[in-house]
Protein backbone atom coordinates (compact mmCIF):
# COMPACT_ATOMS: atom_id res chain seq x y z
CA MET A 1 -8.33 -13.48 8.01
CA GLY A 2 -8.52 -17.26 6.29
CA LYS A 3 -9.78 -18.29 3.09
CA SER A 4 -12.61 -16.95 1.69
CA ARG A 5 -14.36 -16.45 -1.63
CA ASN A 6 -12.88 -13.28 -2.43
CA ASP A 7 -9.39 -14.37 -2.13
CA ASN A 8 -8.67 -15.04 -5.86
CA PHE A 9 -10.47 -11.57 -6.96
CA LEU A 10 -6.80 -9.69 -7.12
CA LEU A 11 -5.33 -11.95 -9.59
CA THR A 12 -8.27 -12.68 -11.49
CA ASP A 13 -8.66 -8.93 -12.07
CA MET A 14 -5.11 -8.09 -12.38
CA ASP A 15 -3.85 -11.25 -14.88
CA ARG A 16 -5.59 -9.05 -17.25
CA GLN A 17 -2.85 -6.55 -16.75
CA ASP A 18 0.53 -6.54 -18.47
CA VAL A 19 3.65 -6.26 -16.29
CA LYS A 20 6.84 -6.34 -16.79
CA ASN A 21 9.23 -8.13 -14.40
CA GLY A 22 11.46 -6.00 -12.57
CA GLY A 23 9.69 -2.31 -13.58
CA ASP A 24 12.10 -0.70 -16.39
CA GLY A 25 14.98 -2.46 -15.38
CA PRO A 26 16.00 -6.19 -17.10
CA GLU A 27 14.45 -9.37 -15.47
CA LEU A 28 17.11 -11.55 -13.45
CA PRO A 29 17.92 -14.61 -15.12
CA GLU A 30 15.85 -17.33 -14.12
CA ASN A 31 18.22 -19.17 -11.88
CA GLU A 32 18.87 -15.91 -9.97
CA LEU A 33 14.95 -15.19 -9.20
CA PHE A 34 15.06 -18.80 -7.94
CA ALA A 35 18.08 -18.33 -5.69
CA ALA A 36 16.84 -15.07 -4.68
CA LEU A 37 13.20 -16.84 -3.74
CA ARG A 38 15.07 -19.87 -1.86
CA LEU A 39 16.92 -17.11 0.42
CA GLN A 40 13.66 -15.27 1.13
CA HIS A 41 12.27 -18.81 2.06
CA ILE A 42 14.87 -19.64 5.27
CA PRO A 43 13.51 -18.52 8.33
CA ASN A 44 16.65 -17.66 9.98
CA LEU A 45 17.70 -15.40 7.37
CA GLY A 46 16.27 -12.12 6.91
CA ASP A 47 16.88 -9.17 4.56
CA ILE A 48 19.76 -7.71 6.09
CA SER A 49 21.97 -10.84 6.20
CA ALA A 50 20.48 -12.26 2.93
CA LYS A 51 21.90 -8.62 1.44
CA LYS A 52 25.10 -9.71 3.25
CA LEU A 53 25.55 -12.56 1.29
CA ILE A 54 24.70 -12.07 -2.12
CA ALA A 55 27.02 -8.93 -1.61
CA HIS A 56 29.77 -11.14 -0.46
CA CYS A 57 29.15 -13.78 -2.85
CA GLY A 58 28.11 -11.53 -6.22
CA SER A 59 25.08 -13.05 -6.64
CA PRO A 60 22.06 -15.02 -5.09
CA ALA A 61 22.87 -18.08 -6.77
CA ALA A 62 26.59 -18.03 -6.03
CA VAL A 63 25.33 -18.28 -1.92
CA PHE A 64 24.31 -21.34 -2.80
CA THR A 65 27.44 -22.58 -4.26
CA ASP A 66 30.41 -20.87 -1.66
CA LYS A 67 31.97 -23.09 0.93
CA MET A 68 30.13 -22.91 4.31
CA GLN A 69 33.42 -21.81 5.59
CA VAL A 70 33.55 -19.07 3.68
CA LEU A 71 29.96 -17.72 4.30
CA LEU A 72 30.58 -18.00 7.86
CA LYS A 73 33.35 -15.69 7.88
CA ILE A 74 30.96 -12.78 6.68
CA ASP A 75 30.61 -10.57 9.52
CA ARG A 76 27.46 -11.38 11.73
CA ILE A 77 26.74 -14.21 9.78
CA GLY A 78 26.27 -17.40 12.25
CA SER A 79 25.75 -20.86 11.98
CA ALA A 80 22.07 -20.57 12.94
CA MET A 81 21.06 -18.65 9.78
CA LEU A 82 23.23 -20.96 7.31
CA SER A 83 21.26 -23.92 9.04
CA GLY A 84 18.85 -24.48 6.72
CA LEU A 85 20.71 -22.97 3.22
CA HIS A 86 20.77 -26.29 1.62
CA ASP A 87 17.74 -27.83 2.93
CA PRO A 88 15.80 -29.26 -0.13
CA VAL A 89 12.60 -27.80 1.58
CA HIS A 90 13.18 -24.45 0.38
CA ALA A 91 13.95 -25.07 -3.21
CA ARG A 92 10.37 -26.55 -3.44
CA ALA A 93 8.94 -23.96 -2.35
CA ALA A 94 10.85 -21.66 -4.01
CA GLU A 95 10.00 -23.64 -7.57
CA ARG A 96 6.26 -23.59 -6.08
CA GLU A 97 6.60 -19.85 -5.78
CA LEU A 98 8.66 -19.42 -9.12
CA ASN A 99 5.73 -20.92 -10.71
CA PHE A 100 3.17 -18.75 -9.37
CA ILE A 101 5.16 -15.65 -10.68
CA ARG A 102 5.31 -17.12 -14.32
CA LYS A 103 1.40 -18.24 -14.52
CA HIS A 104 0.27 -14.77 -12.75
CA ARG A 105 2.88 -12.71 -14.57
CA ILE A 106 3.91 -11.12 -11.30
CA GLY A 107 6.11 -8.52 -11.18
CA TYR A 108 8.86 -8.09 -9.24
CA TYR A 109 11.70 -5.37 -7.97
CA TYR A 110 15.24 -7.02 -7.02
CA TYR A 111 16.77 -4.69 -4.54
CA ARG A 112 19.96 -4.75 -6.87
CA GLN A 113 18.53 -3.45 -9.96
CA HIS A 114 18.23 -0.03 -11.14
CA SER A 115 14.12 0.25 -11.10
CA TYR A 116 14.05 -0.92 -7.49
CA PRO A 117 12.10 2.03 -5.67
CA TYR A 118 14.63 4.43 -5.25
CA ASN A 119 13.53 5.42 -1.57
CA LEU A 120 13.21 1.97 -0.35
CA GLN A 121 17.15 1.23 -1.43
CA HIS A 122 18.43 3.10 1.61
CA CYS A 123 16.52 1.21 3.86
CA PRO A 124 18.69 -1.75 4.78
CA ASP A 125 16.28 -3.77 5.46
CA GLY A 126 14.36 -3.52 2.45
CA PRO A 127 13.01 -6.71 0.98
CA VAL A 128 15.37 -8.46 -1.24
CA LEU A 129 12.55 -8.96 -3.70
CA LEU A 130 9.38 -6.66 -3.66
CA PHE A 131 6.13 -7.97 -5.82
CA TYR A 132 4.03 -5.92 -7.76
CA LYS A 133 1.16 -5.79 -9.59
CA GLY A 134 -0.78 -2.79 -11.56
CA ASN A 135 0.42 0.52 -13.58
CA ILE A 136 3.14 1.92 -11.13
CA GLU A 137 5.28 4.49 -11.96
CA LEU A 138 7.77 5.90 -8.93
CA GLU A 139 10.87 7.39 -11.00
CA GLY A 140 11.11 11.16 -10.19
CA LYS A 141 7.28 11.15 -8.18
CA LYS A 142 7.16 13.01 -5.41
CA ILE A 143 5.95 10.01 -2.42
CA ILE A 144 4.32 10.19 0.54
CA SER A 145 3.05 7.29 2.77
CA VAL A 146 -0.38 8.38 4.74
CA VAL A 147 -1.81 6.40 7.59
CA GLY A 148 -3.97 6.18 10.80
CA THR A 149 -6.14 4.43 12.45
CA ARG A 150 -8.77 2.11 11.49
CA ASN A 151 -11.47 3.67 13.45
CA MET A 152 -11.65 7.24 11.76
CA THR A 153 -13.65 10.16 12.75
CA GLY A 154 -15.92 11.97 10.63
CA ARG A 155 -12.83 14.82 11.75
CA GLY A 156 -10.29 12.74 10.29
CA ARG A 157 -12.31 12.01 7.17
CA ASP A 158 -13.06 15.33 6.35
CA PHE A 159 -9.26 16.48 7.05
CA CYS A 160 -8.05 13.43 4.51
CA HIS A 161 -10.31 14.82 1.84
CA LYS A 162 -9.44 18.67 2.08
CA PHE A 163 -5.75 17.05 2.29
CA ILE A 164 -5.34 15.33 -0.70
CA GLU A 165 -7.49 17.78 -2.88
CA ASP A 166 -5.05 20.45 -1.94
CA LEU A 167 -2.17 18.12 -2.71
CA ALA A 168 -3.56 17.15 -5.96
CA VAL A 169 -1.89 20.12 -7.97
CA TYR A 170 1.76 18.30 -7.28
CA GLU A 171 0.53 15.59 -8.26
CA PRO A 172 2.25 12.95 -5.56
CA VAL A 173 2.00 9.07 -5.08
CA ILE A 174 0.09 8.42 -2.52
CA ILE A 175 0.93 5.10 -0.24
CA SER A 176 -1.01 3.49 2.02
CA GLY A 177 -2.02 0.27 3.83
CA PHE A 178 -5.32 -0.52 1.90
CA ALA A 179 -6.69 -1.18 5.18
CA TYR A 180 -10.36 0.31 6.58
CA GLY A 181 -10.60 3.58 8.25
CA VAL A 182 -7.52 6.24 6.87
CA ASP A 183 -5.89 4.25 4.61
CA ILE A 184 -8.73 3.20 2.21
CA CYS A 185 -10.18 6.83 3.11
CA VAL A 186 -6.95 8.45 1.53
CA GLN A 187 -6.53 5.82 -1.21
CA ARG A 188 -10.22 7.04 -2.26
CA ALA A 189 -9.65 10.89 -2.25
CA ALA A 190 -6.35 9.99 -4.59
CA MET A 191 -7.92 8.37 -6.54
CA ALA A 192 -10.98 10.71 -6.86
CA HIS A 193 -8.06 13.51 -7.93
CA GLY A 194 -6.82 11.02 -10.18
CA LEU A 195 -3.54 10.29 -8.65
CA GLN A 196 -1.48 7.09 -8.46
CA THR A 197 -1.93 5.45 -5.32
CA ILE A 198 0.01 2.41 -4.01
CA GLY A 199 -1.53 -0.36 -1.68
CA CYS A 200 1.39 -2.41 0.16
CA LEU A 201 -0.20 -5.47 1.73
CA ALA A 202 0.57 -7.64 4.22
CA HIS A 203 -0.21 -10.97 2.42
CA GLY A 204 0.26 -12.61 -1.17
CA LEU A 205 -1.15 -11.13 -4.32
CA ASN A 206 -3.76 -14.06 -4.42
CA ARG A 207 -6.02 -12.18 -2.42
CA ILE A 208 -7.82 -9.11 -1.47
CA TYR A 209 -7.80 -8.38 2.45
CA PRO A 210 -9.85 -7.12 3.71
CA PRO A 211 -12.53 -8.47 1.06
CA GLU A 212 -14.95 -5.52 1.30
CA HIS A 213 -12.17 -3.36 -0.31
CA ARG A 214 -12.52 -5.34 -3.49
CA ILE A 215 -14.53 -2.93 -5.30
CA TYR A 216 -11.57 -0.43 -5.32
CA ALA A 217 -8.85 -2.75 -6.83
CA ASP A 218 -9.62 -2.26 -10.36
CA MET A 219 -9.43 1.26 -9.77
CA ILE A 220 -6.28 1.67 -8.14
CA MET A 221 -4.51 -0.88 -10.65
CA LYS A 222 -5.47 1.39 -13.45
CA ASN A 223 -3.29 4.05 -11.83
CA GLY A 224 -1.13 2.82 -9.34
CA GLY A 225 -1.19 -1.25 -8.18
CA PHE A 226 -0.06 -3.24 -4.73
CA PHE A 227 3.13 -4.09 -3.45
CA THR A 228 3.80 -7.04 -1.16
CA GLU A 229 7.06 -8.79 -0.05
CA GLN A 230 4.91 -11.42 0.89
CA TRP A 231 4.02 -15.07 -1.20
CA SER A 232 1.00 -16.19 -2.54
CA LYS A 233 0.37 -18.95 0.60
CA SER A 234 1.13 -15.88 3.08
CA LEU A 235 -2.18 -14.81 5.18
CA PRO A 236 -2.94 -11.65 6.47
CA VAL A 237 -1.63 -12.17 10.32
CA ARG A 238 -0.40 -9.95 12.67
CA GLU A 239 3.47 -10.18 12.20
CA ASN A 240 2.86 -9.73 8.08
CA PHE A 241 1.25 -6.24 8.97
CA LEU A 242 4.12 -5.24 11.02
CA ARG A 243 6.88 -6.41 8.74
CA ARG A 244 4.73 -4.66 6.16
CA ASN A 245 4.86 -1.15 7.72
CA ARG A 246 8.26 -0.46 6.89
CA ILE A 247 7.84 -1.19 3.46
CA ILE A 248 5.40 1.73 3.87
CA ALA A 249 7.71 4.16 5.70
CA GLY A 250 10.70 3.15 3.33
CA LEU A 251 8.96 3.90 -0.03
CA SER A 252 8.17 7.60 0.87
CA GLN A 253 9.89 11.10 1.18
CA ALA A 254 7.58 11.42 4.37
CA THR A 255 4.77 9.80 6.30
CA VAL A 256 1.69 11.35 7.75
CA VAL A 257 -0.69 10.49 10.43
CA ILE A 258 -3.87 11.56 10.22
CA GLU A 259 -5.55 9.97 13.44
CA SER A 260 -4.06 7.36 15.62
CA GLY A 261 -4.38 6.29 19.21
CA GLU A 262 -2.10 5.59 21.90
CA LYS A 263 -1.01 2.28 20.20
CA GLY A 264 -1.38 1.01 16.65
CA GLY A 265 0.90 0.36 13.27
CA SER A 266 0.49 3.78 12.50
CA LEU A 267 2.54 4.99 15.41
CA VAL A 268 4.88 1.88 14.10
CA THR A 269 5.27 3.33 10.89
CA ALA A 270 5.70 7.09 12.03
CA ASN A 271 8.81 5.79 13.91
CA LEU A 272 10.36 3.43 11.24
CA ALA A 273 10.00 6.63 8.83
CA ALA A 274 11.97 8.52 11.44
CA GLU A 275 14.72 5.99 11.89
CA TYR A 276 14.79 6.13 8.35
CA ASN A 277 15.27 9.59 8.41
CA ARG A 278 12.41 10.38 6.86
CA GLU A 279 10.19 13.45 7.19
CA VAL A 280 7.29 12.45 9.92
CA PHE A 281 3.62 14.54 10.18
CA ALA A 282 0.97 14.49 12.01
CA VAL A 283 -2.36 15.89 12.43
CA PRO A 284 -2.93 17.46 16.11
CA GLY A 285 -6.09 17.29 18.26
CA ARG A 286 -7.64 18.10 21.37
CA THR A 287 -6.15 15.96 24.25
CA THR A 288 -9.80 14.63 25.05
CA ASP A 289 -9.91 13.14 21.67
CA VAL A 290 -8.80 9.32 21.99
CA PHE A 291 -7.64 8.91 18.13
CA SER A 292 -5.50 12.24 18.29
CA ARG A 293 -3.45 10.56 21.38
CA GLY A 294 -1.07 9.46 19.13
CA CYS A 295 -0.56 12.02 16.86
CA ASN A 296 -0.13 14.38 19.82
CA ALA A 297 2.42 11.94 21.14
CA LEU A 298 4.54 12.16 17.93
CA ILE A 299 4.33 16.16 17.82
CA ARG A 300 5.27 16.28 21.73
CA SER A 301 8.39 14.00 21.36
CA GLN A 302 9.34 16.21 18.21
CA LYS A 303 9.17 13.19 16.03
CA ALA A 304 6.67 14.88 13.85
CA HIS A 305 6.39 17.74 12.27
CA LEU A 306 2.81 19.48 13.41
CA LEU A 307 0.34 19.15 9.97
CA THR A 308 -2.75 21.44 9.66
CA ALA A 309 -2.90 21.68 6.10
CA ALA A 310 -1.54 20.79 2.80
CA GLU A 311 0.81 23.61 2.86
CA ASP A 312 2.43 22.84 6.09
CA LEU A 313 4.14 19.43 3.89
CA VAL A 314 4.61 21.37 1.11
CA TYR A 315 6.78 23.90 2.81
CA MET A 316 8.95 21.18 4.62
CA LEU A 317 9.39 19.19 1.38
CA ASN A 318 10.02 22.63 -0.70
CA TRP A 319 7.40 21.25 -3.17
CA GLU A 320 6.50 23.21 -6.56
CA ALA A 321 3.58 22.02 -8.27
CA THR A 322 3.68 20.25 -11.22
CA ALA A 323 3.44 21.93 -14.99
CA SER A 324 0.46 19.96 -15.97
CA GLY A 325 -1.20 21.45 -12.49
CA GLY A 326 -2.53 18.11 -11.44
CA ARG A 327 -4.67 15.71 -13.07
CA GLY A 328 -7.90 16.01 -10.71
CA VAL A 329 -10.88 14.37 -11.62
CA GLN A 330 -13.03 17.40 -12.69
CA LYS A 331 -16.40 17.29 -10.46
CA GLN A 332 -18.90 18.33 -12.98
CA LEU A 333 -22.47 20.11 -12.04
CA PHE A 334 -24.47 18.00 -14.59
CA VAL A 335 -23.51 14.44 -14.50
CA ASP A 336 -24.79 11.70 -17.35
CA LEU A 337 -26.53 9.11 -15.07
CA ASN A 338 -27.74 5.71 -16.26
CA PRO A 339 -31.41 4.77 -14.98
CA VAL A 340 -30.12 2.92 -12.16
CA GLU A 341 -28.18 5.29 -10.93
CA GLN A 342 -30.60 8.01 -11.04
CA ARG A 343 -32.77 5.79 -9.09
CA VAL A 344 -30.02 6.02 -6.16
CA VAL A 345 -29.69 9.57 -6.44
CA GLN A 346 -32.95 9.97 -6.58
CA PHE A 347 -33.36 7.91 -3.00
CA LEU A 348 -30.72 9.89 -1.25
CA GLU A 349 -32.35 12.87 -2.36
CA ASP A 350 -35.31 12.23 -0.99
CA LYS A 351 -34.38 10.29 1.88
CA GLY A 352 -30.70 11.90 3.10
CA LYS A 353 -28.01 10.09 4.24
CA GLN A 354 -28.83 6.19 4.19
CA HIS A 355 -27.07 2.65 4.96
CA LEU A 356 -25.84 0.68 2.29
CA ASP A 357 -27.98 -1.75 3.08
CA GLU A 358 -31.82 0.29 2.62
CA ILE A 359 -29.72 1.54 -0.11
CA SER A 360 -29.54 -1.62 -1.83
CA ILE A 361 -33.40 -2.83 -0.68
CA HIS A 362 -34.96 0.25 -1.66
CA CYS A 363 -33.34 0.24 -4.86
CA ASP A 364 -33.81 -3.19 -5.44
CA LEU A 365 -29.83 -4.22 -6.16
CA PRO A 366 -27.74 -7.13 -4.62
CA VAL A 367 -25.46 -5.54 -1.88
CA SER A 368 -22.42 -6.44 -4.13
CA ALA A 369 -24.11 -4.63 -7.07
CA CYS A 370 -24.88 -1.16 -5.18
CA SER A 371 -21.37 -0.94 -3.51
CA ALA A 372 -19.72 -1.16 -6.93
CA LEU A 373 -22.60 1.57 -8.35
CA LEU A 374 -22.26 3.91 -5.17
CA PHE A 375 -18.05 3.76 -5.52
CA GLU A 376 -18.69 5.06 -9.16
CA LEU A 377 -20.84 7.52 -8.14
CA GLU A 378 -18.29 8.53 -5.54
CA MET A 379 -16.04 9.12 -8.30
CA LYS A 380 -18.50 11.11 -10.30
CA GLY A 381 -18.21 13.17 -7.25
CA VAL A 382 -22.28 12.99 -6.98
CA ILE A 383 -21.99 11.44 -3.62
CA CYS A 384 -19.57 11.24 -0.49
CA PRO A 385 -19.03 8.16 1.75
CA LEU A 386 -19.47 8.46 5.37
CA PRO A 387 -18.49 6.38 8.46
CA GLY A 388 -20.47 3.20 9.03
CA LYS A 389 -21.33 2.56 5.56
CA LEU A 390 -23.48 5.59 4.97
CA PHE A 391 -23.48 7.60 1.95
CA GLU A 392 -25.31 10.94 1.10
CA LEU A 393 -25.42 13.41 -2.13
CA ALA A 394 -22.13 15.23 -2.26
């Protein structure tokens, strides 16, 4: 999980995107953004307590000018929380991060701005600052989160594709975690149907994790993007993934669990969604299916509605189809392919499903170039990805 040669890929490409800080709302004055960053950096001060301080004092900057004895009278604000308030280490860190935000044109939502994601406004522990990159539009949108195991089965993959295909007419925004398995499967399916999709990251915007998913970053950015509360130096470590889950749950009207073992981050996300009084859905499976045990447990405990098809969710959320009827990518019977694409398609036609490495070798393509080309063919509806880096003709 440390630094790799792909760490800067996200910013390198995303810097070409023109974003506005704070979405469609006014930018914070720079001194207020600086003060909000200082508050974020204090280890003993969580989002709930930081919001209490800001509400009492009127602004982030005012927190640092008010007297300590006044701040200590605020309900559930103790001296341990405020012990680092004026430590210069937090001011220096905030200055570095502010420079990073300026240099790379990082967008941000401040929790008191109108543009802050509506559903997240109702979560008491939502981040004071939520950073983003991309072309994100959430206002007035239907939004769902879809999560699940990283060890997705073929059954789970097929359900993901069918589920998103049937939901496309409603044009929902699909939120997920950009991780292996269900996350990337559902986000790829959303892209294939022209839906806005957003990856919630457990690290800063100066890296891609996992690095194998770098080939999807540009396309996600064109219609969607990435959210994170983490600063530029943050690494994809376990505690950040657990904190990230509350953002996935909080952004959405409903959370869908496709597959899950008895334990895992997707169950944490589902439980958080239930605590936020959001709808939760789970796809049932056989009692002997290892990666259906978590879903079956959610249904058994009545924390989740049973989900057998997209229409179950549509009925429960009372959705109506959009006037445009969806913007799905039209599958073409005849697709114009360049010579290299034709070579890959011919190889798959002759040999059947093949591993990425085999395609790379036989078609004389570097693995990175081959991955990108296969993704383009997937978006054209020509091939289908399978578990284990296998591909076959659609």
